Amino acid sequence: LEGRAFHTSSELGNGGALIAGGLATLPIINV
């Protein structure tokens, strides 16, 4: 939903991943 960089990505116990934080842009308005 949000573009982001310098964030973290961590494996979850169910085999998925958690994407968290980072330099980002707000959706739609691109701020």
Full PDB file with SEQRES, HELIX, SHEET, SSBOND, CRYST1, ORIGX, SCALE, CONECT and MASTER records, all heavy atoms in Angstrom:
SEQRES   1 A   31  LEU GLU GLY ARG ALA PHE HIS THR SER SER GLU LEU GLY          
SEQRES   2 A   31  ASN GLY GLY ALA LEU ILE ALA GLY GLY LEU ALA THR LEU          
SEQRES   3 A   31  PRO ILE ILE ASN VAL                                          
SHEET    1 AA1 2 ARG A   4  ALA A   5  0                                        
SHEET    2 AA1 2 LEU A  23  ALA A  24 -1                                        
SHEET    1 AA2 2 THR A   8  GLU A  11  0                                        
SHEET    2 AA2 2 ALA A  17  ALA A  20 -1                                        
CRYST1    1.000    1.000    1.000  90.00  90.00  90.00 P 1           1          
ORIGX1      1.000000  0.000000  0.000000        0.00000                         
ORIGX2      0.000000  1.000000  0.000000        0.00000                         
ORIGX3      0.000000  0.000000  1.000000        0.00000                         
SCALE1      1.000000  0.000000  0.000000        0.00000                         
SCALE2      0.000000  1.000000  0.000000        0.00000                         
SCALE3      0.000000  0.000000  1.000000        0.00000                         
ATOM      1  N   LEU A   1       0.833  -1.205   0.000  1.00  0.00           N  
ATOM      2  CA  LEU A   1       0.000   0.000   0.000  1.00  0.00           C  
ATOM      3  C   LEU A   1       0.864   1.250   0.000  1.00  0.00           C  
ATOM      4  O   LEU A   1       0.538   2.247  -0.637  1.00  0.00           O  
ATOM      5  CB  LEU A   1      -0.927   0.001   1.226  1.00  0.00           C  
ATOM      6  CG  LEU A   1      -1.890   1.180   1.331  1.00  0.00           C  
ATOM      7  CD1 LEU A   1      -2.843   1.197   0.141  1.00  0.00           C  
ATOM      8  CD2 LEU A   1      -2.672   1.120   2.645  1.00  0.00           C  
ATOM      9  N   GLU A   2       2.000   1.194   0.716  1.00  0.00           N  
ATOM     10  CA  GLU A   2       2.924   2.328   0.779  1.00  0.00           C  
ATOM     11  C   GLU A   2       4.259   1.920   0.153  1.00  0.00           C  
ATOM     12  O   GLU A   2       4.793   0.854   0.464  1.00  0.00           O  
ATOM     13  CB  GLU A   2       3.199   2.727   2.234  1.00  0.00           C  
ATOM     14  CG  GLU A   2       1.986   2.995   3.090  1.00  0.00           C  
ATOM     15  CD  GLU A   2       2.359   3.105   4.560  1.00  0.00           C  
ATOM     16  OE1 GLU A   2       3.406   3.719   4.864  1.00  0.00           O  
ATOM     17  OE2 GLU A   2       1.633   2.564   5.398  1.00  0.00           O  
ATOM     18  N   GLY A   3       4.798   2.770  -0.715  1.00  0.00           N  
ATOM     19  CA  GLY A   3       6.171   2.576  -1.138  1.00  0.00           C  
ATOM     20  C   GLY A   3       7.092   2.853   0.030  1.00  0.00           C  
ATOM     21  O   GLY A   3       6.811   3.727   0.853  1.00  0.00           O  
ATOM     22  N   ARG A   4       8.202   2.113   0.120  1.00  0.00           N  
ATOM     23  CA  ARG A   4       9.103   2.321   1.256  1.00  0.00           C  
ATOM     24  C   ARG A   4      10.506   1.821   0.938  1.00  0.00           C  
ATOM     25  O   ARG A   4      10.701   0.955   0.077  1.00  0.00           O  
ATOM     26  CB  ARG A   4       8.562   1.649   2.518  1.00  0.00           C  
ATOM     27  CG  ARG A   4       8.444   0.152   2.436  1.00  0.00           C  
ATOM     28  CD  ARG A   4       7.805  -0.401   3.706  1.00  0.00           C  
ATOM     29  NE  ARG A   4       6.398  -0.077   3.797  1.00  0.00           N  
ATOM     30  CZ  ARG A   4       5.738   0.087   4.946  1.00  0.00           C  
ATOM     31  NH1 ARG A   4       6.372  -0.012   6.092  1.00  0.00           N  
ATOM     32  NH2 ARG A   4       4.456   0.364   4.959  1.00  0.00           N  
ATOM     33  N   ALA A   5      11.491   2.399   1.647  1.00  0.00           N  
ATOM     34  CA  ALA A   5      12.887   2.002   1.511  1.00  0.00           C  
ATOM     35  C   ALA A   5      13.548   2.101   2.879  1.00  0.00           C  
ATOM     36  O   ALA A   5      13.076   2.811   3.767  1.00  0.00           O  
ATOM     37  CB  ALA A   5      13.614   2.904   0.513  1.00  0.00           C  
ATOM     38  N   PHE A   6      14.674   1.396   3.038  1.00  0.00           N  
ATOM     39  CA  PHE A   6      15.394   1.330   4.313  1.00  0.00           C  
ATOM     40  C   PHE A   6      14.465   0.873   5.438  1.00  0.00           C  
ATOM     41  O   PHE A   6      14.510   1.370   6.558  1.00  0.00           O  
ATOM     42  CB  PHE A   6      16.049   2.672   4.652  1.00  0.00           C  
ATOM     43  CG  PHE A   6      17.022   3.134   3.591  1.00  0.00           C  
ATOM     44  CD1 PHE A   6      16.756   4.267   2.823  1.00  0.00           C  
ATOM     45  CD2 PHE A   6      18.176   2.424   3.334  1.00  0.00           C  
ATOM     46  CE1 PHE A   6      17.635   4.687   1.836  1.00  0.00           C  
ATOM     47  CE2 PHE A   6      19.060   2.836   2.342  1.00  0.00           C  
ATOM     48  CZ  PHE A   6      18.791   3.967   1.592  1.00  0.00           C  
ATOM     49  N   HIS A   7      13.608  -0.094   5.098  1.00  0.00           N  
ATOM     50  CA  HIS A   7      12.694  -0.704   6.039  1.00  0.00           C  
ATOM     51  C   HIS A   7      13.249  -2.067   6.457  1.00  0.00           C  
ATOM     52  O   HIS A   7      14.353  -2.449   6.061  1.00  0.00           O  
ATOM     53  CB  HIS A   7      11.313  -0.865   5.396  1.00  0.00           C  
ATOM     54  CG  HIS A   7      11.342  -1.601   4.086  1.00  0.00           C  
ATOM     55  ND1 HIS A   7      11.891  -1.058   2.941  1.00  0.00           N  
ATOM     56  CD2 HIS A   7      10.919  -2.842   3.728  1.00  0.00           C  
ATOM     57  CE1 HIS A   7      11.796  -1.928   1.937  1.00  0.00           C  
ATOM     58  NE2 HIS A   7      11.211  -3.019   2.396  1.00  0.00           N  
ATOM     59  N   THR A   8      12.494  -2.796   7.257  1.00  0.00           N  
ATOM     60  CA  THR A   8      12.892  -4.154   7.621  1.00  0.00           C  
ATOM     61  C   THR A   8      11.858  -5.142   7.101  1.00  0.00           C  
ATOM     62  O   THR A   8      10.686  -4.811   6.909  1.00  0.00           O  
ATOM     63  CB  THR A   8      13.025  -4.325   9.143  1.00  0.00           C  
ATOM     64  OG1 THR A   8      11.809  -3.936   9.785  1.00  0.00           O  
ATOM     65  CG2 THR A   8      14.176  -3.492   9.675  1.00  0.00           C  
ATOM     66  N   SER A   9      12.326  -6.348   6.859  1.00  0.00           N  
ATOM     67  CA  SER A   9      11.461  -7.446   6.433  1.00  0.00           C  
ATOM     68  C   SER A   9      11.881  -8.674   7.224  1.00  0.00           C  
ATOM     69  O   SER A   9      13.039  -9.081   7.159  1.00  0.00           O  
ATOM     70  CB  SER A   9      11.602  -7.680   4.925  1.00  0.00           C  
ATOM     71  OG  SER A   9      10.759  -8.731   4.492  1.00  0.00           O  
ATOM     72  N   SER A  10      10.952  -9.252   7.973  1.00  0.00           N  
ATOM     73  CA  SER A  10      11.278 -10.332   8.905  1.00  0.00           C  
ATOM     74  C   SER A  10      10.368 -11.522   8.661  1.00  0.00           C  
ATOM     75  O   SER A  10       9.156 -11.361   8.472  1.00  0.00           O  
ATOM     76  CB  SER A  10      11.106  -9.862  10.357  1.00  0.00           C  
ATOM     77  OG  SER A  10      11.809  -8.653  10.593  1.00  0.00           O  
ATOM     78  N   GLU A  11      10.948 -12.718   8.672  1.00  0.00           N  
ATOM     79  CA  GLU A  11      10.156 -13.924   8.466  1.00  0.00           C  
ATOM     80  C   GLU A  11       9.240 -14.164   9.659  1.00  0.00           C  
ATOM     81  O   GLU A  11       9.639 -14.029  10.817  1.00  0.00           O  
ATOM     82  CB  GLU A  11      11.068 -15.134   8.267  1.00  0.00           C  
ATOM     83  CG  GLU A  11      10.306 -16.417   7.951  1.00  0.00           C  
ATOM     84  CD  GLU A  11      11.206 -17.611   7.714  1.00  0.00           C  
ATOM     85  OE1 GLU A  11      12.434 -17.406   7.623  1.00  0.00           O  
ATOM     86  OE2 GLU A  11      10.685 -18.746   7.628  1.00  0.00           O  
ATOM     87  N   LEU A  12       7.990 -14.526   9.370  1.00  0.00           N  
ATOM     88  CA  LEU A  12       7.022 -14.856  10.408  1.00  0.00           C  
ATOM     89  C   LEU A  12       6.910 -16.371  10.561  1.00  0.00           C  
ATOM     90  O   LEU A  12       7.255 -17.133   9.650  1.00  0.00           O  
ATOM     91  CB  LEU A  12       5.654 -14.261  10.064  1.00  0.00           C  
ATOM     92  CG  LEU A  12       5.577 -12.732  10.062  1.00  0.00           C  
ATOM     93  CD1 LEU A  12       4.217 -12.255   9.556  1.00  0.00           C  
ATOM     94  CD2 LEU A  12       5.837 -12.184  11.470  1.00  0.00           C  
ATOM     95  N   GLY A  13       6.390 -16.787  11.697  1.00  0.00           N  
ATOM     96  CA  GLY A  13       6.294 -18.207  11.982  1.00  0.00           C  
ATOM     97  C   GLY A  13       5.388 -18.970  11.037  1.00  0.00           C  
ATOM     98  O   GLY A  13       5.521 -20.188  10.885  1.00  0.00           O  
ATOM     99  N   ASN A  14       4.450 -18.286  10.386  1.00  0.00           N  
ATOM    100  CA  ASN A  14       3.539 -18.952   9.456  1.00  0.00           C  
ATOM    101  C   ASN A  14       4.114 -19.040   8.041  1.00  0.00           C  
ATOM    102  O   ASN A  14       3.408 -19.432   7.105  1.00  0.00           O  
ATOM    103  CB  ASN A  14       2.185 -18.241   9.426  1.00  0.00           C  
ATOM    104  CG  ASN A  14       2.289 -16.793   8.943  1.00  0.00           C  
ATOM    105  OD1 ASN A  14       3.370 -16.322   8.587  1.00  0.00           O  
ATOM    106  ND2 ASN A  14       1.171 -16.083   8.939  1.00  0.00           N  
ATOM    107  N   GLY A  15       5.390 -18.659   7.886  1.00  0.00           N  
ATOM    108  CA  GLY A  15       6.023 -18.718   6.576  1.00  0.00           C  
ATOM    109  C   GLY A  15       5.950 -17.434   5.798  1.00  0.00           C  
ATOM    110  O   GLY A  15       6.512 -17.342   4.703  1.00  0.00           O  
ATOM    111  N   GLY A  16       5.253 -16.435   6.337  1.00  0.00           N  
ATOM    112  CA  GLY A  16       5.145 -15.138   5.672  1.00  0.00           C  
ATOM    113  C   GLY A  16       6.242 -14.193   6.110  1.00  0.00           C  
ATOM    114  O   GLY A  16       7.302 -14.616   6.602  1.00  0.00           O  
ATOM    115  N   ALA A  17       5.996 -12.894   5.945  1.00  0.00           N  
ATOM    116  CA  ALA A  17       6.990 -11.885   6.306  1.00  0.00           C  
ATOM    117  C   ALA A  17       6.299 -10.644   6.827  1.00  0.00           C  
ATOM    118  O   ALA A  17       5.155 -10.338   6.447  1.00  0.00           O  
ATOM    119  CB  ALA A  17       7.868 -11.534   5.108  1.00  0.00           C  
ATOM    120  N   LEU A  18       7.000  -9.919   7.704  1.00  0.00           N  
ATOM    121  CA  LEU A  18       6.498  -8.653   8.236  1.00  0.00           C  
ATOM    122  C   LEU A  18       7.347  -7.524   7.680  1.00  0.00           C  
ATOM    123  O   LEU A  18       8.553  -7.468   7.907  1.00  0.00           O  
ATOM    124  CB  LEU A  18       6.555  -8.643   9.759  1.00  0.00           C  
ATOM    125  CG  LEU A  18       5.997  -7.384  10.425  1.00  0.00           C  
ATOM    126  CD1 LEU A  18       4.472  -7.365  10.324  1.00  0.00           C  
ATOM    127  CD2 LEU A  18       6.438  -7.290  11.890  1.00  0.00           C  
ATOM    128  N   ILE A  19       6.705  -6.618   6.930  1.00  0.00           N  
ATOM    129  CA  ILE A  19       7.367  -5.430   6.382  1.00  0.00           C  
ATOM    130  C   ILE A  19       7.088  -4.277   7.330  1.00  0.00           C  
ATOM    131  O   ILE A  19       5.919  -3.988   7.633  1.00  0.00           O  
ATOM    132  CB  ILE A  19       6.824  -5.086   4.978  1.00  0.00           C  
ATOM    133  CG1 ILE A  19       6.884  -6.296   4.059  1.00  0.00           C  
ATOM    134  CG2 ILE A  19       7.567  -3.904   4.396  1.00  0.00           C  
ATOM    135  CD1 ILE A  19       8.262  -6.774   3.742  1.00  0.00           C  
ATOM    136  N   ALA A  20       8.132  -3.581   7.816  1.00  0.00           N  
ATOM    137  CA  ALA A  20       7.914  -2.569   8.846  1.00  0.00           C  
ATOM    138  C   ALA A  20       8.771  -1.335   8.619  1.00  0.00           C  
ATOM    139  O   ALA A  20       9.958  -1.434   8.283  1.00  0.00           O  
ATOM    140  CB  ALA A  20       8.202  -3.146  10.230  1.00  0.00           C  
ATOM    141  N   GLY A  21       8.142  -0.145   8.823  1.00  0.00           N  
ATOM    142  CA  GLY A  21       8.856   1.121   8.829  1.00  0.00           C  
ATOM    143  C   GLY A  21       9.456   1.499   7.497  1.00  0.00           C  
ATOM    144  O   GLY A  21       9.062   1.013   6.438  1.00  0.00           O  
ATOM    145  N   GLY A  22      10.421   2.430   7.550  1.00  0.00           N  
ATOM    146  CA  GLY A  22      11.136   2.874   6.369  1.00  0.00           C  
ATOM    147  C   GLY A  22      10.771   4.276   5.932  1.00  0.00           C  
ATOM    148  O   GLY A  22       9.778   4.854   6.380  1.00  0.00           O  
ATOM    149  N   LEU A  23      11.596   4.854   5.049  1.00  0.00           N  
ATOM    150  CA  LEU A  23      11.213   6.075   4.351  1.00  0.00           C  
ATOM    151  C   LEU A  23      10.087   5.712   3.406  1.00  0.00           C  
ATOM    152  O   LEU A  23      10.200   4.741   2.639  1.00  0.00           O  
ATOM    153  CB  LEU A  23      12.399   6.641   3.573  1.00  0.00           C  
ATOM    154  CG  LEU A  23      13.561   7.215   4.384  1.00  0.00           C  
ATOM    155  CD1 LEU A  23      14.689   7.628   3.453  1.00  0.00           C  
ATOM    156  CD2 LEU A  23      13.109   8.399   5.230  1.00  0.00           C  
ATOM    157  N   ALA A  24       9.008   6.459   3.434  1.00  0.00           N  
ATOM    158  CA  ALA A  24       7.808   6.042   2.713  1.00  0.00           C  
ATOM    159  C   ALA A  24       7.087   7.232   2.099  1.00  0.00           C  
ATOM    160  O   ALA A  24       7.459   8.396   2.313  1.00  0.00           O  
ATOM    161  CB  ALA A  24       6.869   5.286   3.660  1.00  0.00           C  
ATOM    162  N   THR A  25       6.074   6.927   1.320  1.00  0.00           N  
ATOM    163  CA  THR A  25       5.167   7.952   0.792  1.00  0.00           C  
ATOM    164  C   THR A  25       3.746   7.577   1.173  1.00  0.00           C  
ATOM    165  O   THR A  25       3.366   6.403   1.124  1.00  0.00           O  
ATOM    166  CB  THR A  25       5.269   8.060  -0.738  1.00  0.00           C  
ATOM    167  OG1 THR A  25       5.063   6.767  -1.320  1.00  0.00           O  
ATOM    168  CG2 THR A  25       6.627   8.583  -1.161  1.00  0.00           C  
ATOM    169  N   LEU A  26       2.980   8.583   1.572  1.00  0.00           N  
ATOM    170  CA  LEU A  26       1.586   8.341   1.913  1.00  0.00           C  
ATOM    171  C   LEU A  26       0.812   7.959   0.661  1.00  0.00           C  
ATOM    172  O   LEU A  26       1.016   8.542  -0.409  1.00  0.00           O  
ATOM    173  CB  LEU A  26       0.969   9.591   2.549  1.00  0.00           C  
ATOM    174  CG  LEU A  26       1.546   9.996   3.912  1.00  0.00           C  
ATOM    175  CD1 LEU A  26       0.957  11.307   4.363  1.00  0.00           C  
ATOM    176  CD2 LEU A  26       1.287   8.906   4.945  1.00  0.00           C  
ATOM    177  N   PRO A  27      -0.048   6.958   0.766  1.00  0.00           N  
ATOM    178  CA  PRO A  27      -0.811   6.522  -0.403  1.00  0.00           C  
ATOM    179  C   PRO A  27      -1.649   7.659  -0.997  1.00  0.00           C  
ATOM    180  O   PRO A  27      -2.073   8.571  -0.297  1.00  0.00           O  
ATOM    181  CB  PRO A  27      -1.707   5.411   0.161  1.00  0.00           C  
ATOM    182  CG  PRO A  27      -1.044   4.977   1.425  1.00  0.00           C  
ATOM    183  CD  PRO A  27      -0.364   6.184   1.971  1.00  0.00           C  
ATOM    184  N   ILE A  28      -1.840   7.610  -2.290  1.00  0.00           N  
ATOM    185  CA  ILE A  28      -2.674   8.524  -3.084  1.00  0.00           C  
ATOM    186  C   ILE A  28      -2.035   9.900  -3.229  1.00  0.00           C  
ATOM    187  O   ILE A  28      -1.766  10.367  -4.335  1.00  0.00           O  
ATOM    188  CB  ILE A  28      -4.103   8.659  -2.505  1.00  0.00           C  
ATOM    189  CG1 ILE A  28      -4.756   7.276  -2.416  1.00  0.00           C  
ATOM    190  CG2 ILE A  28      -4.948   9.610  -3.371  1.00  0.00           C  
ATOM    191  CD1 ILE A  28      -6.123   7.279  -1.773  1.00  0.00           C  
ATOM    192  N   ILE A  29      -1.711  10.578  -2.087  1.00  0.00           N  
ATOM    193  CA  ILE A  29      -1.193  11.939  -2.184  1.00  0.00           C  
ATOM    194  C   ILE A  29       0.322  11.966  -2.401  1.00  0.00           C  
ATOM    195  O   ILE A  29       0.881  13.021  -2.713  1.00  0.00           O  
ATOM    196  CB  ILE A  29      -1.559  12.760  -0.928  1.00  0.00           C  
ATOM    197  CG1 ILE A  29      -1.009  12.078   0.339  1.00  0.00           C  
ATOM    198  CG2 ILE A  29      -3.061  12.924  -0.828  1.00  0.00           C  
ATOM    199  CD1 ILE A  29      -1.266  12.893   1.611  1.00  0.00           C  
ATOM    200  N   ASN A  30       1.003  10.833  -2.213  1.00  0.00           N  
ATOM    201  CA  ASN A  30       2.429  10.691  -2.508  1.00  0.00           C  
ATOM    202  C   ASN A  30       3.301  11.695  -1.748  1.00  0.00           C  
ATOM    203  O   ASN A  30       4.270  12.234  -2.274  1.00  0.00           O  
ATOM    204  CB  ASN A  30       2.677  10.830  -4.020  1.00  0.00           C  
ATOM    205  CG  ASN A  30       3.985  10.187  -4.446  1.00  0.00           C  
ATOM    206  OD1 ASN A  30       4.346   9.129  -3.935  1.00  0.00           O  
ATOM    207  ND2 ASN A  30       4.683  10.806  -5.379  1.00  0.00           N  
ATOM    208  N   VAL A  31       2.961  11.952  -0.495  1.00  0.00           N  
ATOM    209  CA  VAL A  31       3.724  12.870   0.345  1.00  0.00           C  
ATOM    210  C   VAL A  31       4.746  12.069   1.147  1.00  0.00           C  
ATOM    211  O   VAL A  31       4.395  11.048   1.753  1.00  0.00           O  
ATOM    212  CB  VAL A  31       2.796  13.652   1.297  1.00  0.00           C  
ATOM    213  CG1 VAL A  31       3.611  14.483   2.287  1.00  0.00           C  
ATOM    214  CG2 VAL A  31       1.858  14.542   0.502  1.00  0.00           C  
TER     215      VAL A  31                                                      
MASTER        0    0    0    0    4    0    0    6  214    1    0    3          
END                                                                             
